[in-house]
Amino acid sequence: MRAINLRTEHMINPIGIDIKEPYLSWNCADGRRQTAYEIVAMDENCVVWDSSRVKSDSMHTYCPLELKSRQRISWKIRLWDERDEAGEWSEEAFFENNRVASFTIFDDDLCVELTDDMQPQYIVFENPLLIDNLTFTIQSIFSGTKWNDTCITKIIFYE
């Protein structure tokens, strides 16, 4: 039995995800039923997480690493079948994190600092029609990052 179609956050080898504990998933091939799995995650050939053998028929889990921005994690998995026989290791998959730690939004009357809490954050302006411009300034990013490769997922303006 072997794992195929390895995905992170439902994507193949995504770059620039902004998730603290990414969702990992896979499919099974060459067997009837998965009974256990083991995942090994590496950062530049150093093992940063080994799930050890987990008895489960579930084909997904969360990667419990606190990721740094621009950190690339490679991962692979092996499965156990209905006869409790371990299969071969899968091909490696990877993902790369990319998160802003904090940034500031300001205009003439307002200054708001937002920090990374991985939840939508809302700002209400008292007189939105009077705002000529807004300035967004990245204050800090997670270690290992460069200013020119920082990702802000979405900014939406409502009237």
C-alpha atoms as a PDB file:
ATOM      1  CA  MET A   1       0.000   0.000   0.000  1.00  0.00           C
ATOM      2  CA  ARG A   2       1.256   3.469  -0.813  1.00  0.00           C
ATOM      3  CA  ALA A   3       0.087   7.041  -0.501  1.00  0.00           C
ATOM      4  CA  ILE A   4      -0.534   9.097  -3.640  1.00  0.00           C
ATOM      5  CA  ASN A   5      -1.907  12.570  -4.415  1.00  0.00           C
ATOM      6  CA  LEU A   6      -0.313  14.228  -1.402  1.00  0.00           C
ATOM      7  CA  ARG A   7      -1.883  17.630  -0.793  1.00  0.00           C
ATOM      8  CA  THR A   8      -1.484  20.506   1.619  1.00  0.00           C
ATOM      9  CA  GLU A   9      -4.572  22.642   2.177  1.00  0.00           C
ATOM     10  CA  HIS A  10      -6.130  20.766  -0.798  1.00  0.00           C
ATOM     11  CA  MET A  11      -3.304  21.935  -3.111  1.00  0.00           C
ATOM     12  CA  ILE A  12      -0.294  20.222  -4.652  1.00  0.00           C
ATOM     13  CA  ASN A  13       2.977  21.730  -3.361  1.00  0.00           C
ATOM     14  CA  PRO A  14       1.557  25.164  -2.494  1.00  0.00           C
ATOM     15  CA  ILE A  15       3.797  28.173  -2.018  1.00  0.00           C
ATOM     16  CA  GLY A  16       2.680  31.133   0.064  1.00  0.00           C
ATOM     17  CA  ILE A  17       0.051  29.534   2.282  1.00  0.00           C
ATOM     18  CA  ASP A  18      -0.857  31.491   5.391  1.00  0.00           C
ATOM     19  CA  ILE A  19      -1.908  28.703   7.728  1.00  0.00           C
ATOM     20  CA  LYS A  20      -0.416  27.992  11.136  1.00  0.00           C
ATOM     21  CA  GLU A  21      -1.093  24.231  11.103  1.00  0.00           C
ATOM     22  CA  PRO A  22      -1.632  23.088   7.505  1.00  0.00           C
ATOM     23  CA  TYR A  23      -4.128  20.372   6.581  1.00  0.00           C
ATOM     24  CA  LEU A  24      -2.391  17.374   4.958  1.00  0.00           C
ATOM     25  CA  SER A  25      -4.270  14.783   2.904  1.00  0.00           C
ATOM     26  CA  TRP A  26      -3.575  11.823   0.609  1.00  0.00           C
ATOM     27  CA  ASN A  27      -5.172   8.915  -1.237  1.00  0.00           C
ATOM     28  CA  CYS A  28      -4.333   5.222  -1.049  1.00  0.00           C
ATOM     29  CA  ALA A  29      -3.191   2.949  -3.866  1.00  0.00           C
ATOM     30  CA  ASP A  30      -2.287  -0.745  -4.089  1.00  0.00           C
ATOM     31  CA  GLY A  31      -4.238  -1.958  -1.090  1.00  0.00           C
ATOM     32  CA  ARG A  32      -7.718  -2.537   0.215  1.00  0.00           C
ATOM     33  CA  ARG A  33      -7.767  -0.477   3.408  1.00  0.00           C
ATOM     34  CA  GLN A  34      -5.390   1.812   5.243  1.00  0.00           C
ATOM     35  CA  THR A  35      -5.044   0.920   8.938  1.00  0.00           C
ATOM     36  CA  ALA A  36      -2.240   3.277   9.966  1.00  0.00           C
ATOM     37  CA  TYR A  37       0.099   5.983   8.679  1.00  0.00           C
ATOM     38  CA  GLU A  38       3.371   7.688   9.550  1.00  0.00           C
ATOM     39  CA  ILE A  39       4.333  11.156   8.337  1.00  0.00           C
ATOM     40  CA  VAL A  40       7.829  12.621   8.391  1.00  0.00           C
ATOM     41  CA  ALA A  41       8.270  16.350   7.759  1.00  0.00           C
ATOM     42  CA  MET A  42      11.656  17.898   6.993  1.00  0.00           C
ATOM     43  CA  ASP A  43      13.150  21.358   6.785  1.00  0.00           C
ATOM     44  CA  GLU A  44      16.284  21.221   4.612  1.00  0.00           C
ATOM     45  CA  ASN A  45      16.812  17.490   5.286  1.00  0.00           C
ATOM     46  CA  CYS A  46      16.387  17.862   9.060  1.00  0.00           C
ATOM     47  CA  VAL A  47      13.379  16.052  10.494  1.00  0.00           C
ATOM     48  CA  VAL A  48      11.153  18.603  12.239  1.00  0.00           C
ATOM     49  CA  TRP A  49       8.173  16.316  12.856  1.00  0.00           C
ATOM     50  CA  ASP A  50       7.665  12.560  12.880  1.00  0.00           C
ATOM     51  CA  SER A  51       4.115  11.505  13.647  1.00  0.00           C
ATOM     52  CA  SER A  52       5.324   7.969  14.434  1.00  0.00           C
ATOM     53  CA  ARG A  53       2.825   5.286  13.556  1.00  0.00           C
ATOM     54  CA  VAL A  54      -0.762   6.489  13.966  1.00  0.00           C
ATOM     55  CA  LYS A  55      -3.448   3.810  13.908  1.00  0.00           C
ATOM     56  CA  SER A  56      -6.128   5.369  11.732  1.00  0.00           C
ATOM     57  CA  ASP A  57      -7.986   4.855   8.487  1.00  0.00           C
ATOM     58  CA  SER A  58      -8.287   8.624   8.091  1.00  0.00           C
ATOM     59  CA  MET A  59      -6.498  10.032   5.046  1.00  0.00           C
ATOM     60  CA  HIS A  60      -5.879  13.478   6.480  1.00  0.00           C
ATOM     61  CA  THR A  61      -4.332  15.197   9.475  1.00  0.00           C
ATOM     62  CA  TYR A  62      -2.910  18.553  10.523  1.00  0.00           C
ATOM     63  CA  CYS A  63       0.799  19.341  10.577  1.00  0.00           C
ATOM     64  CA  PRO A  64       1.391  20.504  14.182  1.00  0.00           C
ATOM     65  CA  LEU A  65       4.361  22.757  13.433  1.00  0.00           C
ATOM     66  CA  GLU A  66       4.517  26.461  14.277  1.00  0.00           C
ATOM     67  CA  LEU A  67       5.804  27.568  10.903  1.00  0.00           C
ATOM     68  CA  LYS A  68       8.012  30.543  10.120  1.00  0.00           C
ATOM     69  CA  SER A  69       7.364  32.663   7.099  1.00  0.00           C
ATOM     70  CA  ARG A  70       9.046  31.396   3.913  1.00  0.00           C
ATOM     71  CA  GLN A  71       9.794  28.082   5.630  1.00  0.00           C
ATOM     72  CA  ARG A  72       9.653  25.207   3.153  1.00  0.00           C
ATOM     73  CA  ILE A  73       8.598  21.888   4.626  1.00  0.00           C
ATOM     74  CA  SER A  74       8.919  18.640   2.671  1.00  0.00           C
ATOM     75  CA  TRP A  75       6.846  15.712   3.815  1.00  0.00           C
ATOM     76  CA  LYS A  76       6.325  12.071   2.985  1.00  0.00           C
ATOM     77  CA  ILE A  77       4.106   9.334   4.295  1.00  0.00           C
ATOM     78  CA  ARG A  78       3.917   5.578   4.497  1.00  0.00           C
ATOM     79  CA  LEU A  79       0.803   3.544   5.070  1.00  0.00           C
ATOM     80  CA  TRP A  80      -0.077   0.215   6.661  1.00  0.00           C
ATOM     81  CA  ASP A  81      -2.661  -2.003   4.999  1.00  0.00           C
ATOM     82  CA  GLU A  82      -5.370  -4.362   6.286  1.00  0.00           C
ATOM     83  CA  ARG A  83      -2.718  -7.075   6.883  1.00  0.00           C
ATOM     84  CA  ASP A  84      -0.737  -4.615   9.034  1.00  0.00           C
ATOM     85  CA  GLU A  85       2.075  -4.510   6.480  1.00  0.00           C
ATOM     86  CA  ALA A  86       3.935  -1.246   5.966  1.00  0.00           C
ATOM     87  CA  GLY A  87       4.085   0.091   2.439  1.00  0.00           C
ATOM     88  CA  GLU A  88       6.840   2.081   0.796  1.00  0.00           C
ATOM     89  CA  TRP A  89       7.386   5.756   1.535  1.00  0.00           C
ATOM     90  CA  SER A  90       5.536   8.120  -0.781  1.00  0.00           C
ATOM     91  CA  GLU A  91       7.220  10.617  -3.032  1.00  0.00           C
ATOM     92  CA  GLU A  92       7.936  13.859  -1.205  1.00  0.00           C
ATOM     93  CA  ALA A  93       5.510  16.755  -1.278  1.00  0.00           C
ATOM     94  CA  PHE A  94       6.189  20.246   0.063  1.00  0.00           C
ATOM     95  CA  PHE A  95       4.580  23.470   1.132  1.00  0.00           C
ATOM     96  CA  GLU A  96       5.905  26.914   1.924  1.00  0.00           C
ATOM     97  CA  ASN A  97       4.489  29.285   4.471  1.00  0.00           C
ATOM     98  CA  ASN A  98       4.342  33.054   4.002  1.00  0.00           C
ATOM     99  CA  ARG A  99       2.859  35.213   6.751  1.00  0.00           C
ATOM    100  CA  VAL A 100       2.956  38.827   7.837  1.00  0.00           C
ATOM    101  CA  ALA A 101       3.365  39.160  11.627  1.00  0.00           C
ATOM    102  CA  SER A 102       1.942  42.688  11.919  1.00  0.00           C
ATOM    103  CA  PHE A 103       1.106  45.684   9.794  1.00  0.00           C
ATOM    104  CA  THR A 104      -0.377  49.131  10.276  1.00  0.00           C
ATOM    105  CA  ILE A 105      -3.191  50.850   8.420  1.00  0.00           C
ATOM    106  CA  PHE A 106      -3.495  54.600   8.771  1.00  0.00           C
ATOM    107  CA  ASP A 107      -5.005  57.723   7.293  1.00  0.00           C
ATOM    108  CA  ASP A 108      -5.172  61.275   8.666  1.00  0.00           C
ATOM    109  CA  ASP A 109      -7.429  60.354  11.613  1.00  0.00           C
ATOM    110  CA  LEU A 110      -6.782  56.688  12.291  1.00  0.00           C
ATOM    111  CA  CYS A 111      -3.894  54.355  13.013  1.00  0.00           C
ATOM    112  CA  VAL A 112      -4.562  50.650  13.548  1.00  0.00           C
ATOM    113  CA  GLU A 113      -1.982  47.913  14.025  1.00  0.00           C
ATOM    114  CA  LEU A 114      -3.082  44.400  13.125  1.00  0.00           C
ATOM    115  CA  THR A 115      -1.220  41.325  14.287  1.00  0.00           C
ATOM    116  CA  ASP A 116      -1.287  37.805  12.930  1.00  0.00           C
ATOM    117  CA  ASP A 117      -4.019  35.877  14.686  1.00  0.00           C
ATOM    118  CA  MET A 118      -5.079  33.917  11.574  1.00  0.00           C
ATOM    119  CA  GLN A 119      -8.663  35.199  11.802  1.00  0.00           C
ATOM    120  CA  PRO A 120     -10.442  37.836   9.693  1.00  0.00           C
ATOM    121  CA  GLN A 121      -9.903  41.286  11.153  1.00  0.00           C
ATOM    122  CA  TYR A 122     -12.286  44.167  10.538  1.00  0.00           C
ATOM    123  CA  ILE A 123     -11.746  47.900  10.795  1.00  0.00           C
ATOM    124  CA  VAL A 124     -14.650  50.331  10.760  1.00  0.00           C
ATOM    125  CA  PHE A 125     -14.002  53.911   9.615  1.00  0.00           C
ATOM    126  CA  GLU A 126     -16.313  56.543  11.082  1.00  0.00           C
ATOM    127  CA  ASN A 127     -16.392  58.674   7.919  1.00  0.00           C
ATOM    128  CA  PRO A 128     -15.308  56.386   5.064  1.00  0.00           C
ATOM    129  CA  LEU A 129     -16.417  58.837   2.368  1.00  0.00           C
ATOM    130  CA  LEU A 130     -14.001  61.457   3.717  1.00  0.00           C
ATOM    131  CA  ILE A 131     -10.917  59.230   3.407  1.00  0.00           C
ATOM    132  CA  ASP A 132      -8.691  60.232   0.505  1.00  0.00           C
ATOM    133  CA  ASN A 133      -6.125  57.503   0.929  1.00  0.00           C
ATOM    134  CA  LEU A 134      -4.991  54.731   3.250  1.00  0.00           C
ATOM    135  CA  THR A 135      -1.434  53.665   3.886  1.00  0.00           C
ATOM    136  CA  PHE A 136      -0.571  50.055   4.656  1.00  0.00           C
ATOM    137  CA  THR A 137       2.821  49.535   6.286  1.00  0.00           C
ATOM    138  CA  ILE A 138       4.255  46.116   7.084  1.00  0.00           C
ATOM    139  CA  GLN A 139       5.750  46.452  10.570  1.00  0.00           C
ATOM    140  CA  SER A 140       7.149  42.967  11.027  1.00  0.00           C
ATOM    141  CA  ILE A 141       7.212  39.589   9.374  1.00  0.00           C
ATOM    142  CA  PHE A 142       8.090  36.174  10.698  1.00  0.00           C
ATOM    143  CA  SER A 143      11.804  35.425  10.869  1.00  0.00           C
ATOM    144  CA  GLY A 144      13.499  34.158   7.766  1.00  0.00           C
ATOM    145  CA  THR A 145      11.439  36.369   5.472  1.00  0.00           C
ATOM    146  CA  LYS A 146      12.266  39.102   3.039  1.00  0.00           C
ATOM    147  CA  TRP A 147      10.170  42.234   2.622  1.00  0.00           C
ATOM    148  CA  ASN A 148       9.593  41.643  -1.087  1.00  0.00           C
ATOM    149  CA  ASP A 149       8.017  38.197  -0.711  1.00  0.00           C
ATOM    150  CA  THR A 150       5.402  38.852   1.958  1.00  0.00           C
ATOM    151  CA  CYS A 151       1.810  37.813   1.376  1.00  0.00           C
ATOM    152  CA  ILE A 152      -1.340  39.570   2.550  1.00  0.00           C
ATOM    153  CA  THR A 153      -4.157  37.279   1.555  1.00  0.00           C
ATOM    154  CA  LYS A 154      -6.986  39.717   1.057  1.00  0.00           C
ATOM    155  CA  ILE A 155      -8.102  43.303   1.642  1.00  0.00           C
ATOM    156  CA  ILE A 156     -11.766  44.021   1.024  1.00  0.00           C
ATOM    157  CA  PHE A 157     -13.512  47.391   1.232  1.00  0.00           C
ATOM    158  CA  TYR A 158     -17.238  47.602   1.960  1.00  0.00           C
ATOM    159  CA  GLU A 159     -19.434  50.674   1.742  1.00  0.00           C
END
